[in-house]
Amino acid sequence: MHAALAQSTQPRVGRNRRARALAVRRPLWIVGSLAALLAVLPPTARAYEDQATLGLAVGYAGVPGSNTVPRNGVDVAVSAGVGLGDAWSIQGLVGYSVFPSARALHLGMAGIETVYALDIVRFVPLLGAGLDGFLSVRERQTRGDFALHFLVGFDYLINPRWLVGADVRGYWVTTHAQSPLDPFVITAAARVGVRFDLR
């Protein structure tokens, strides 16, 4: 009986070992495939290297989870950035949002962010993250807050100087516990920009 039990468990142990080996090899195969794909992709075209960019954006501002302040508003922002290499840039951003209601909320923002651009000819996907300061005004009550944000967007290069684009930023208000703002603020905007050579 013991011999039969030992024989019945041996195939199961073998199957478990094969399953563990497969579980290890599968992520390695995925990572290797992605690395090979990146290796054969064409290099970036360095759309922003040695260039400064000025932009103007207009769009939507929202506080989606709020029960105490207006949820929907209008956002206007200006930005100025400089390319740090073939993919990375840094830019400053100043914005103003108004949330209309009987007790309107006015929200000013100033921040800095790093942006990664994958240039595909004229279409340039963007990813970024940054640090911000908020100033909210409502019924003569003023409050300052800090926030962190992420950026997802794209640029379309019309010609060597002009571009249009769109972006979405999600802000996490790190000091929201003491603030009239909810933890999360969102902006989604269309943008026009102009580029200048630094060399």
N, C-alpha and C. Protein backbone atom coordinates (compact mmCIF):
# COMPACT_ATOMS: atom_id res chain seq x y z
N MET A 1 0.83 -1.21 0.00
CA MET A 1 0.00 0.00 0.00
C MET A 1 0.86 1.24 0.00
N HIS A 2 1.92 1.22 0.83
CA HIS A 2 2.82 2.39 0.87
C HIS A 2 3.51 2.58 -0.46
N ALA A 3 3.87 1.47 -1.11
CA ALA A 3 4.52 1.57 -2.42
C ALA A 3 3.58 2.19 -3.44
N ALA A 4 2.31 1.77 -3.40
CA ALA A 4 1.33 2.33 -4.33
C ALA A 4 1.13 3.81 -4.09
N LEU A 5 1.11 4.22 -2.79
CA LEU A 5 0.94 5.64 -2.45
C LEU A 5 2.12 6.45 -2.95
N ALA A 6 3.32 5.90 -2.79
CA ALA A 6 4.51 6.61 -3.26
C ALA A 6 4.47 6.77 -4.76
N GLN A 7 4.04 5.71 -5.48
CA GLN A 7 3.99 5.81 -6.93
C GLN A 7 2.95 6.83 -7.38
N SER A 8 1.83 6.93 -6.64
CA SER A 8 0.78 7.86 -7.03
C SER A 8 1.18 9.31 -6.78
N THR A 9 2.06 9.55 -5.80
CA THR A 9 2.46 10.93 -5.51
C THR A 9 3.60 11.40 -6.39
N GLN A 10 4.38 10.46 -6.96
CA GLN A 10 5.51 10.88 -7.79
C GLN A 10 5.08 11.66 -9.03
N PRO A 11 4.08 11.21 -9.78
CA PRO A 11 3.64 12.02 -10.94
C PRO A 11 3.15 13.39 -10.52
N ARG A 12 2.46 13.49 -9.36
CA ARG A 12 1.96 14.78 -8.90
C ARG A 12 3.11 15.72 -8.58
N VAL A 13 4.17 15.18 -7.92
CA VAL A 13 5.34 16.01 -7.63
C VAL A 13 5.98 16.48 -8.92
N GLY A 14 6.06 15.58 -9.90
CA GLY A 14 6.64 15.96 -11.19
C GLY A 14 5.84 17.05 -11.86
N ARG A 15 4.50 16.93 -11.81
CA ARG A 15 3.66 17.96 -12.41
C ARG A 15 3.84 19.29 -11.71
N ASN A 16 3.95 19.27 -10.37
CA ASN A 16 4.15 20.51 -9.63
C ASN A 16 5.45 21.18 -10.01
N ARG A 17 6.51 20.37 -10.18
CA ARG A 17 7.80 20.95 -10.56
C ARG A 17 7.73 21.58 -11.95
N ARG A 18 7.06 20.89 -12.87
CA ARG A 18 6.92 21.44 -14.22
C ARG A 18 6.11 22.72 -14.21
N ALA A 19 5.06 22.76 -13.36
CA ALA A 19 4.24 23.96 -13.28
C ALA A 19 5.04 25.13 -12.73
N ARG A 20 5.88 24.85 -11.70
CA ARG A 20 6.71 25.93 -11.14
C ARG A 20 7.73 26.41 -12.16
N ALA A 21 8.32 25.47 -12.89
CA ALA A 21 9.30 25.86 -13.92
C ALA A 21 8.64 26.70 -15.00
N LEU A 22 7.43 26.32 -15.39
CA LEU A 22 6.70 27.09 -16.39
C LEU A 22 6.35 28.47 -15.87
N ALA A 23 5.97 28.56 -14.58
CA ALA A 23 5.63 29.85 -13.98
C ALA A 23 6.83 30.78 -13.96
N VAL A 24 8.03 30.21 -13.83
CA VAL A 24 9.24 31.04 -13.84
C VAL A 24 9.61 31.44 -15.26
N ARG A 25 9.49 30.49 -16.20
CA ARG A 25 9.92 30.77 -17.58
C ARG A 25 8.98 31.74 -18.29
N ARG A 26 7.69 31.70 -17.96
CA ARG A 26 6.73 32.53 -18.68
C ARG A 26 7.01 34.02 -18.50
N PRO A 27 7.19 34.55 -17.25
CA PRO A 27 7.54 35.97 -17.13
C PRO A 27 8.85 36.32 -17.83
N LEU A 28 9.85 35.40 -17.76
CA LEU A 28 11.11 35.66 -18.44
C LEU A 28 10.91 35.75 -19.94
N TRP A 29 10.04 34.91 -20.48
CA TRP A 29 9.76 34.95 -21.91
C TRP A 29 9.07 36.25 -22.28
N ILE A 30 8.12 36.70 -21.45
CA ILE A 30 7.41 37.95 -21.74
C ILE A 30 8.38 39.12 -21.71
N VAL A 31 9.22 39.19 -20.66
CA VAL A 31 10.19 40.28 -20.55
C VAL A 31 11.16 40.25 -21.73
N GLY A 32 11.64 39.06 -22.08
CA GLY A 32 12.55 38.95 -23.22
C GLY A 32 11.91 39.38 -24.52
N SER A 33 10.65 39.03 -24.71
CA SER A 33 9.95 39.43 -25.93
C SER A 33 9.78 40.94 -26.01
N LEU A 34 9.42 41.57 -24.87
CA LEU A 34 9.29 43.02 -24.85
C LEU A 34 10.62 43.70 -25.12
N ALA A 35 11.70 43.17 -24.53
CA ALA A 35 13.02 43.75 -24.78
C ALA A 35 13.40 43.64 -26.25
N ALA A 36 13.10 42.49 -26.86
CA ALA A 36 13.40 42.33 -28.28
C ALA A 36 12.58 43.28 -29.14
N LEU A 37 11.31 43.48 -28.76
CA LEU A 37 10.46 44.40 -29.50
C LEU A 37 10.99 45.82 -29.42
N LEU A 38 11.39 46.25 -28.21
CA LEU A 38 11.94 47.59 -28.06
C LEU A 38 13.24 47.74 -28.84
N ALA A 39 14.00 46.66 -28.93
CA ALA A 39 15.28 46.73 -29.64
C ALA A 39 15.09 46.95 -31.13
N VAL A 40 14.01 46.42 -31.71
CA VAL A 40 13.81 46.55 -33.15
C VAL A 40 12.99 47.77 -33.52
N LEU A 41 12.37 48.44 -32.53
CA LEU A 41 11.63 49.66 -32.83
C LEU A 41 12.59 50.74 -33.28
N PRO A 42 12.16 51.64 -34.18
CA PRO A 42 13.05 52.72 -34.60
C PRO A 42 13.30 53.66 -33.44
N PRO A 43 14.48 54.29 -33.38
CA PRO A 43 14.77 55.23 -32.31
C PRO A 43 13.88 56.45 -32.41
N THR A 44 13.72 57.14 -31.28
CA THR A 44 12.91 58.34 -31.28
C THR A 44 13.53 59.40 -32.17
N ALA A 45 12.67 60.28 -32.68
CA ALA A 45 13.14 61.29 -33.62
C ALA A 45 13.59 62.56 -32.92
N ARG A 46 13.65 62.54 -31.60
CA ARG A 46 14.16 63.66 -30.82
C ARG A 46 13.37 64.94 -31.11
N ALA A 47 12.03 64.84 -30.96
CA ALA A 47 11.17 65.95 -31.31
C ALA A 47 11.41 67.17 -30.44
N TYR A 48 11.84 67.00 -29.18
CA TYR A 48 11.94 68.13 -28.26
C TYR A 48 13.35 68.38 -27.77
N GLU A 49 14.33 67.63 -28.29
CA GLU A 49 15.70 67.82 -27.82
C GLU A 49 16.20 69.20 -28.24
N ASP A 50 16.82 69.91 -27.29
CA ASP A 50 17.37 71.25 -27.54
C ASP A 50 16.31 72.23 -28.00
N GLN A 51 15.08 72.06 -27.50
CA GLN A 51 14.00 72.97 -27.84
C GLN A 51 13.24 73.37 -26.59
N ALA A 52 12.71 74.60 -26.63
CA ALA A 52 11.79 75.08 -25.61
C ALA A 52 10.38 75.10 -26.19
N THR A 53 9.39 74.84 -25.35
CA THR A 53 8.01 74.78 -25.81
C THR A 53 7.14 75.64 -24.90
N LEU A 54 6.28 76.45 -25.52
CA LEU A 54 5.26 77.20 -24.80
C LEU A 54 3.90 76.68 -25.23
N GLY A 55 2.98 76.52 -24.26
CA GLY A 55 1.68 75.97 -24.58
C GLY A 55 0.54 76.67 -23.86
N LEU A 56 -0.63 76.62 -24.48
CA LEU A 56 -1.86 77.14 -23.89
C LEU A 56 -2.91 76.05 -23.99
N ALA A 57 -3.55 75.71 -22.85
CA ALA A 57 -4.53 74.63 -22.81
C ALA A 57 -5.84 75.14 -22.21
N VAL A 58 -6.94 74.66 -22.76
CA VAL A 58 -8.28 74.99 -22.27
C VAL A 58 -9.08 73.70 -22.21
N GLY A 59 -9.81 73.50 -21.11
CA GLY A 59 -10.57 72.26 -21.01
C GLY A 59 -11.41 72.16 -19.77
N TYR A 60 -11.55 70.94 -19.29
CA TYR A 60 -12.45 70.58 -18.19
C TYR A 60 -11.66 70.38 -16.91
N ALA A 61 -12.25 70.80 -15.80
CA ALA A 61 -11.72 70.50 -14.47
C ALA A 61 -12.83 69.84 -13.66
N GLY A 62 -12.47 68.82 -12.89
CA GLY A 62 -13.48 68.12 -12.12
C GLY A 62 -12.98 67.67 -10.77
N VAL A 63 -13.90 67.64 -9.81
CA VAL A 63 -13.65 67.06 -8.48
C VAL A 63 -14.67 65.94 -8.34
N PRO A 64 -14.37 64.76 -8.89
CA PRO A 64 -15.42 63.74 -9.11
C PRO A 64 -16.09 63.22 -7.86
N GLY A 65 -15.40 63.18 -6.73
CA GLY A 65 -16.00 62.58 -5.54
C GLY A 65 -16.55 63.57 -4.55
N SER A 66 -16.70 64.83 -4.96
CA SER A 66 -17.04 65.87 -3.99
C SER A 66 -18.53 65.92 -3.67
N ASN A 67 -18.82 66.10 -2.39
CA ASN A 67 -20.17 66.41 -1.95
C ASN A 67 -20.25 67.79 -1.31
N THR A 68 -19.12 68.49 -1.25
CA THR A 68 -19.06 69.78 -0.55
C THR A 68 -18.71 70.94 -1.47
N VAL A 69 -18.04 70.67 -2.59
CA VAL A 69 -17.70 71.73 -3.54
C VAL A 69 -18.25 71.34 -4.91
N PRO A 70 -18.42 72.32 -5.83
CA PRO A 70 -18.91 71.98 -7.17
C PRO A 70 -18.01 70.95 -7.85
N ARG A 71 -18.62 70.03 -8.58
CA ARG A 71 -17.85 68.94 -9.18
C ARG A 71 -17.26 69.28 -10.54
N ASN A 72 -17.89 70.18 -11.29
CA ASN A 72 -17.50 70.42 -12.68
C ASN A 72 -17.12 71.87 -12.89
N GLY A 73 -16.03 72.08 -13.64
CA GLY A 73 -15.57 73.42 -13.89
C GLY A 73 -14.81 73.54 -15.20
N VAL A 74 -14.24 74.71 -15.41
CA VAL A 74 -13.47 75.03 -16.61
C VAL A 74 -12.04 75.32 -16.20
N ASP A 75 -11.09 74.81 -16.98
CA ASP A 75 -9.67 74.96 -16.66
C ASP A 75 -8.94 75.65 -17.80
N VAL A 76 -8.04 76.58 -17.45
CA VAL A 76 -7.16 77.24 -18.40
C VAL A 76 -5.75 77.14 -17.84
N ALA A 77 -4.77 76.80 -18.68
CA ALA A 77 -3.41 76.63 -18.19
C ALA A 77 -2.41 77.05 -19.26
N VAL A 78 -1.27 77.55 -18.80
CA VAL A 78 -0.14 77.83 -19.69
C VAL A 78 1.05 77.01 -19.19
N SER A 79 1.90 76.60 -20.12
CA SER A 79 3.04 75.77 -19.77
C SER A 79 4.27 76.25 -20.53
N ALA A 80 5.43 75.97 -19.94
CA ALA A 80 6.71 76.26 -20.57
C ALA A 80 7.65 75.12 -20.23
N GLY A 81 8.26 74.53 -21.26
CA GLY A 81 9.12 73.38 -21.02
C GLY A 81 10.37 73.42 -21.86
N VAL A 82 11.31 72.54 -21.51
CA VAL A 82 12.56 72.43 -22.25
C VAL A 82 12.94 70.96 -22.35
N GLY A 83 13.42 70.54 -23.52
CA GLY A 83 13.84 69.17 -23.73
C GLY A 83 15.17 68.89 -23.07
N LEU A 84 15.26 67.74 -22.40
CA LEU A 84 16.49 67.36 -21.70
C LEU A 84 17.25 66.27 -22.44
N GLY A 85 16.71 65.76 -23.52
CA GLY A 85 17.33 64.68 -24.27
C GLY A 85 16.41 64.23 -25.37
N ASP A 86 16.62 63.02 -25.86
CA ASP A 86 15.80 62.54 -26.97
C ASP A 86 14.41 62.11 -26.54
N ALA A 87 14.15 61.97 -25.24
CA ALA A 87 12.83 61.51 -24.79
C ALA A 87 12.29 62.30 -23.61
N TRP A 88 13.15 62.89 -22.79
CA TRP A 88 12.70 63.51 -21.55
C TRP A 88 12.67 65.03 -21.66
N SER A 89 11.71 65.63 -20.98
CA SER A 89 11.64 67.08 -20.86
C SER A 89 11.10 67.44 -19.49
N ILE A 90 11.29 68.67 -19.12
CA ILE A 90 10.76 69.19 -17.86
C ILE A 90 10.00 70.46 -18.18
N GLN A 91 8.85 70.65 -17.51
CA GLN A 91 8.08 71.85 -17.80
C GLN A 91 7.36 72.34 -16.55
N GLY A 92 7.16 73.66 -16.54
CA GLY A 92 6.38 74.31 -15.51
C GLY A 92 4.98 74.58 -16.03
N LEU A 93 4.03 74.58 -15.12
CA LEU A 93 2.62 74.71 -15.49
C LEU A 93 1.93 75.63 -14.50
N VAL A 94 1.17 76.59 -15.02
CA VAL A 94 0.36 77.48 -14.18
C VAL A 94 -1.07 77.42 -14.72
N GLY A 95 -2.03 77.16 -13.83
CA GLY A 95 -3.41 77.01 -14.27
C GLY A 95 -4.41 77.68 -13.35
N TYR A 96 -5.59 77.89 -13.89
CA TYR A 96 -6.70 78.45 -13.12
C TYR A 96 -7.97 77.71 -13.50
N SER A 97 -8.72 77.28 -12.50
CA SER A 97 -9.99 76.59 -12.72
C SER A 97 -11.08 77.30 -11.93
N VAL A 98 -12.25 77.39 -12.52
CA VAL A 98 -13.41 77.93 -11.82
C VAL A 98 -14.52 76.89 -11.87
N PHE A 99 -15.15 76.68 -10.71
CA PHE A 99 -16.24 75.72 -10.57
C PHE A 99 -17.50 76.52 -10.22
N PRO A 100 -18.33 76.86 -11.22
CA PRO A 100 -19.46 77.75 -10.98
C PRO A 100 -20.53 77.12 -10.10
N SER A 101 -21.08 77.92 -9.22
CA SER A 101 -22.23 77.56 -8.39
C SER A 101 -22.60 78.79 -7.59
N ALA A 102 -23.62 78.66 -6.73
CA ALA A 102 -23.95 79.77 -5.85
C ALA A 102 -22.79 80.11 -4.93
N ARG A 103 -21.96 79.11 -4.63
CA ARG A 103 -20.73 79.30 -3.85
C ARG A 103 -19.57 78.80 -4.69
N ALA A 104 -19.23 79.59 -5.70
CA ALA A 104 -18.23 79.17 -6.68
C ALA A 104 -16.88 78.91 -6.03
N LEU A 105 -16.17 77.93 -6.56
CA LEU A 105 -14.82 77.61 -6.12
C LEU A 105 -13.84 78.06 -7.19
N HIS A 106 -12.82 78.82 -6.78
CA HIS A 106 -11.75 79.24 -7.67
C HIS A 106 -10.48 78.52 -7.23
N LEU A 107 -9.81 77.91 -8.20
CA LEU A 107 -8.65 77.09 -7.88
C LEU A 107 -7.47 77.48 -8.77
N GLY A 108 -6.41 77.98 -8.14
CA GLY A 108 -5.18 78.28 -8.85
C GLY A 108 -4.16 77.18 -8.61
N MET A 109 -3.30 76.94 -9.61
CA MET A 109 -2.34 75.86 -9.50
C MET A 109 -1.03 76.27 -10.16
N ALA A 110 0.07 75.90 -9.54
CA ALA A 110 1.39 76.04 -10.13
C ALA A 110 2.16 74.76 -9.85
N GLY A 111 2.82 74.21 -10.88
CA GLY A 111 3.50 72.94 -10.69
C GLY A 111 4.66 72.76 -11.64
N ILE A 112 5.40 71.69 -11.41
CA ILE A 112 6.51 71.30 -12.26
C ILE A 112 6.40 69.81 -12.51
N GLU A 113 6.74 69.37 -13.73
CA GLU A 113 6.58 67.97 -14.07
C GLU A 113 7.67 67.52 -15.03
N THR A 114 7.96 66.24 -14.97
CA THR A 114 8.83 65.60 -15.96
C THR A 114 7.95 64.82 -16.92
N VAL A 115 8.32 64.85 -18.19
CA VAL A 115 7.50 64.24 -19.23
C VAL A 115 8.38 63.34 -20.10
N TYR A 116 7.87 62.14 -20.37
CA TYR A 116 8.53 61.21 -21.29
C TYR A 116 7.74 61.19 -22.58
N ALA A 117 8.42 61.42 -23.71
CA ALA A 117 7.77 61.47 -25.01
C ALA A 117 8.32 60.37 -25.91
N LEU A 118 7.43 59.57 -26.47
CA LEU A 118 7.80 58.56 -27.46
C LEU A 118 7.41 59.10 -28.83
N ASP A 119 8.38 59.60 -29.56
CA ASP A 119 8.11 60.28 -30.83
C ASP A 119 7.92 59.26 -31.94
N ILE A 120 6.72 59.24 -32.51
CA ILE A 120 6.42 58.37 -33.65
C ILE A 120 6.08 59.29 -34.82
N VAL A 121 7.09 59.71 -35.54
CA VAL A 121 6.96 60.67 -36.63
C VAL A 121 6.31 61.94 -36.09
N ARG A 122 5.06 62.20 -36.42
CA ARG A 122 4.41 63.44 -35.95
C ARG A 122 3.54 63.24 -34.71
N PHE A 123 3.20 62.01 -34.42
CA PHE A 123 2.34 61.72 -33.28
C PHE A 123 3.21 61.33 -32.09
N VAL A 124 3.06 62.05 -30.97
CA VAL A 124 3.97 61.89 -29.83
C VAL A 124 3.17 61.58 -28.57
N PRO A 125 3.06 60.32 -28.16
CA PRO A 125 2.43 60.00 -26.87
C PRO A 125 3.28 60.54 -25.71
N LEU A 126 2.60 60.95 -24.64
CA LEU A 126 3.26 61.56 -23.49
C LEU A 126 2.85 60.87 -22.20
N LEU A 127 3.81 60.68 -21.31
CA LEU A 127 3.57 60.24 -19.95
C LEU A 127 4.38 61.13 -19.03
N GLY A 128 3.81 61.47 -17.86
CA GLY A 128 4.55 62.34 -16.96
C GLY A 128 4.03 62.30 -15.54
N ALA A 129 4.76 62.97 -14.66
CA ALA A 129 4.38 63.08 -13.26
C ALA A 129 4.97 64.37 -12.71
N GLY A 130 4.32 64.92 -11.68
CA GLY A 130 4.80 66.19 -11.16
C GLY A 130 4.32 66.50 -9.76
N LEU A 131 4.76 67.65 -9.29
CA LEU A 131 4.47 68.18 -7.95
C LEU A 131 3.84 69.55 -8.11
N ASP A 132 2.79 69.83 -7.31
CA ASP A 132 2.01 71.04 -7.50
C ASP A 132 1.66 71.72 -6.18
N GLY A 133 1.38 73.01 -6.29
CA GLY A 133 0.79 73.77 -5.21
C GLY A 133 -0.57 74.30 -5.65
N PHE A 134 -1.58 74.15 -4.80
CA PHE A 134 -2.93 74.62 -5.08
C PHE A 134 -3.26 75.80 -4.18
N LEU A 135 -4.03 76.74 -4.71
CA LEU A 135 -4.59 77.82 -3.92
C LEU A 135 -6.08 77.88 -4.23
N SER A 136 -6.92 77.55 -3.24
CA SER A 136 -8.37 77.54 -3.45
C SER A 136 -9.00 78.72 -2.72
N VAL A 137 -9.98 79.33 -3.39
CA VAL A 137 -10.70 80.48 -2.83
C VAL A 137 -12.19 80.22 -2.98
N ARG A 138 -12.90 80.32 -1.86
CA ARG A 138 -14.34 80.13 -1.87
C ARG A 138 -14.95 80.97 -0.76
N GLU A 139 -15.83 81.89 -1.16
CA GLU A 139 -16.48 82.79 -0.21
C GLU A 139 -15.45 83.47 0.70
N ARG A 140 -14.42 84.01 0.08
CA ARG A 140 -13.37 84.77 0.77
C ARG A 140 -12.53 83.93 1.72
N GLN A 141 -12.70 82.64 1.67
CA GLN A 141 -11.84 81.74 2.45
C GLN A 141 -10.78 81.17 1.52
N THR A 142 -9.53 81.31 1.93
CA THR A 142 -8.40 80.92 1.10
C THR A 142 -7.63 79.80 1.77
N ARG A 143 -7.18 78.85 0.95
CA ARG A 143 -6.47 77.70 1.48
C ARG A 143 -5.40 77.25 0.49
N GLY A 144 -4.22 76.93 0.99
CA GLY A 144 -3.15 76.39 0.17
C GLY A 144 -2.98 74.89 0.40
N ASP A 145 -2.70 74.15 -0.66
CA ASP A 145 -2.51 72.70 -0.57
C ASP A 145 -1.39 72.25 -1.49
N PHE A 146 -0.87 71.06 -1.20
CA PHE A 146 0.11 70.42 -2.07
C PHE A 146 -0.53 69.22 -2.75
N ALA A 147 -0.04 68.90 -3.95
CA ALA A 147 -0.60 67.77 -4.70
C ALA A 147 0.50 67.11 -5.53
N LEU A 148 0.26 65.84 -5.85
CA LEU A 148 1.06 65.09 -6.81
C LEU A 148 0.16 64.75 -7.99
N HIS A 149 0.73 64.68 -9.19
CA HIS A 149 -0.12 64.36 -10.34
C HIS A 149 0.58 63.45 -11.33
N PHE A 150 -0.22 62.77 -12.14
CA PHE A 150 0.28 62.02 -13.29
C PHE A 150 -0.32 62.62 -14.55
N LEU A 151 0.34 62.42 -15.66
CA LEU A 151 -0.06 62.98 -16.95
C LEU A 151 -0.10 61.89 -18.00
N VAL A 152 -1.17 61.89 -18.79
CA VAL A 152 -1.28 61.06 -19.99
C VAL A 152 -1.77 61.96 -21.11
N GLY A 153 -1.09 61.95 -22.24
CA GLY A 153 -1.52 62.83 -23.33
C GLY A 153 -0.80 62.52 -24.62
N PHE A 154 -0.92 63.45 -25.57
CA PHE A 154 -0.22 63.31 -26.84
C PHE A 154 -0.04 64.69 -27.47
N ASP A 155 0.96 64.79 -28.31
CA ASP A 155 1.17 65.95 -29.17
C ASP A 155 1.08 65.50 -30.62
N TYR A 156 0.60 66.40 -31.47
CA TYR A 156 0.66 66.18 -32.91
C TYR A 156 1.45 67.34 -33.51
N LEU A 157 2.57 67.03 -34.14
CA LEU A 157 3.47 68.05 -34.66
C LEU A 157 2.99 68.49 -36.04
N ILE A 158 2.41 69.68 -36.11
CA ILE A 158 1.90 70.20 -37.38
C ILE A 158 3.06 70.50 -38.33
N ASN A 159 4.09 71.15 -37.79
CA ASN A 159 5.30 71.48 -38.54
C ASN A 159 6.42 71.65 -37.52
N PRO A 160 7.62 72.02 -37.94
CA PRO A 160 8.72 72.13 -36.97
C PRO A 160 8.48 73.13 -35.84
N ARG A 161 7.51 74.02 -35.97
CA ARG A 161 7.29 75.02 -34.93
C ARG A 161 6.01 74.80 -34.14
N TRP A 162 4.92 74.46 -34.78
CA TRP A 162 3.62 74.42 -34.12
C TRP A 162 3.18 72.99 -33.85
N LEU A 163 2.43 72.85 -32.74
CA LEU A 163 1.86 71.55 -32.37
C LEU A 163 0.50 71.76 -31.73
N VAL A 164 -0.31 70.71 -31.80
CA VAL A 164 -1.57 70.66 -31.05
C VAL A 164 -1.55 69.36 -30.26
N GLY A 165 -2.38 69.30 -29.24
CA GLY A 165 -2.38 68.09 -28.43
C GLY A 165 -3.52 68.08 -27.43
N ALA A 166 -3.52 67.07 -26.60
CA ALA A 166 -4.51 66.94 -25.54
C ALA A 166 -3.86 66.17 -24.39
N ASP A 167 -4.33 66.44 -23.19
CA ASP A 167 -3.78 65.72 -22.04
C ASP A 167 -4.79 65.63 -20.92
N VAL A 168 -4.59 64.63 -20.10
CA VAL A 168 -5.39 64.41 -18.89
C VAL A 168 -4.42 64.35 -17.71
N ARG A 169 -4.72 65.12 -16.67
CA ARG A 169 -3.92 65.08 -15.44
C ARG A 169 -4.82 64.70 -14.28
N GLY A 170 -4.34 63.76 -13.50
CA GLY A 170 -5.02 63.38 -12.27
C GLY A 170 -4.20 63.82 -11.08
N TYR A 171 -4.79 64.62 -10.21
CA TYR A 171 -4.09 65.18 -9.05
C TYR A 171 -4.55 64.49 -7.77
N TRP A 172 -3.60 64.16 -6.93
CA TRP A 172 -3.88 63.68 -5.59
C TRP A 172 -3.47 64.77 -4.61
N VAL A 173 -4.46 65.34 -3.92
CA VAL A 173 -4.21 66.43 -2.97
C VAL A 173 -3.69 65.81 -1.68
N THR A 174 -2.40 65.92 -1.44
CA THR A 174 -1.78 65.23 -0.31
C THR A 174 -2.20 65.81 1.03
N THR A 175 -2.65 67.07 1.04
CA THR A 175 -3.05 67.73 2.29
C THR A 175 -4.57 67.85 2.39
N HIS A 176 -5.29 66.96 1.74
CA HIS A 176 -6.75 67.10 1.66
C HIS A 176 -7.44 66.94 3.00
N ALA A 177 -6.82 66.31 3.98
CA ALA A 177 -7.48 66.07 5.26
C ALA A 177 -7.88 67.38 5.94
N GLN A 178 -7.11 68.43 5.73
CA GLN A 178 -7.40 69.72 6.33
C GLN A 178 -8.00 70.70 5.33
N SER A 179 -8.34 70.22 4.13
CA SER A 179 -8.69 71.11 3.03
C SER A 179 -10.15 70.96 2.63
N PRO A 180 -10.75 72.02 2.05
CA PRO A 180 -12.09 71.87 1.49
C PRO A 180 -12.10 71.03 0.21
N LEU A 181 -10.93 70.82 -0.39
CA LEU A 181 -10.85 70.01 -1.60
C LEU A 181 -10.96 68.53 -1.28
N ASP A 182 -11.51 67.78 -2.22
CA ASP A 182 -11.50 66.33 -2.11
C ASP A 182 -10.11 65.80 -2.48
N PRO A 183 -9.82 64.52 -2.21
CA PRO A 183 -8.47 64.01 -2.48
C PRO A 183 -8.07 64.05 -3.94
N PHE A 184 -9.04 63.98 -4.87
CA PHE A 184 -8.69 63.85 -6.28
C PHE A 184 -9.30 64.97 -7.11
N VAL A 185 -8.48 65.56 -7.97
CA VAL A 185 -8.90 66.58 -8.93
C VAL A 185 -8.42 66.12 -10.30
N ILE A 186 -9.24 66.34 -11.33
CA ILE A 186 -8.92 65.91 -12.69
C ILE A 186 -9.02 67.10 -13.63
N THR A 187 -8.10 67.20 -14.58
CA THR A 187 -8.24 68.14 -15.68
C THR A 187 -8.06 67.39 -16.99
N ALA A 188 -8.80 67.80 -18.00
CA ALA A 188 -8.68 67.24 -19.35
C ALA A 188 -8.77 68.41 -20.32
N ALA A 189 -7.75 68.60 -21.14
CA ALA A 189 -7.68 69.83 -21.93
C ALA A 189 -7.13 69.58 -23.32
N ALA A 190 -7.53 70.45 -24.25
CA ALA A 190 -6.91 70.54 -25.57
C ALA A 190 -5.88 71.65 -25.52
N ARG A 191 -4.82 71.47 -26.31
CA ARG A 191 -3.66 72.36 -26.15
C ARG A 191 -3.08 72.73 -27.51
N VAL A 192 -2.56 73.96 -27.60
CA VAL A 192 -1.78 74.41 -28.74
C VAL A 192 -0.43 74.88 -28.22
N GLY A 193 0.63 74.60 -28.97
CA GLY A 193 1.96 74.96 -28.50
C GLY A 193 2.85 75.43 -29.63
N VAL A 194 3.91 76.14 -29.25
CA VAL A 194 4.90 76.62 -30.20
C VAL A 194 6.28 76.27 -29.66
N ARG A 195 7.19 75.88 -30.56
CA ARG A 195 8.52 75.41 -30.16
C ARG A 195 9.59 76.37 -30.67
N PHE A 196 10.67 76.48 -29.87
CA PHE A 196 11.79 77.35 -30.22
C PHE A 196 13.08 76.56 -30.07
N ASP A 197 13.97 76.70 -31.04
CA ASP A 197 15.28 76.06 -30.96
C ASP A 197 16.14 76.77 -29.93
N LEU A 198 16.86 75.99 -29.13
CA LEU A 198 17.76 76.56 -28.13
C LEU A 198 19.20 76.64 -28.64
N ARG A 199 19.47 76.12 -29.81
CA ARG A 199 20.81 76.20 -30.41
C ARG A 199 20.77 76.98 -31.70
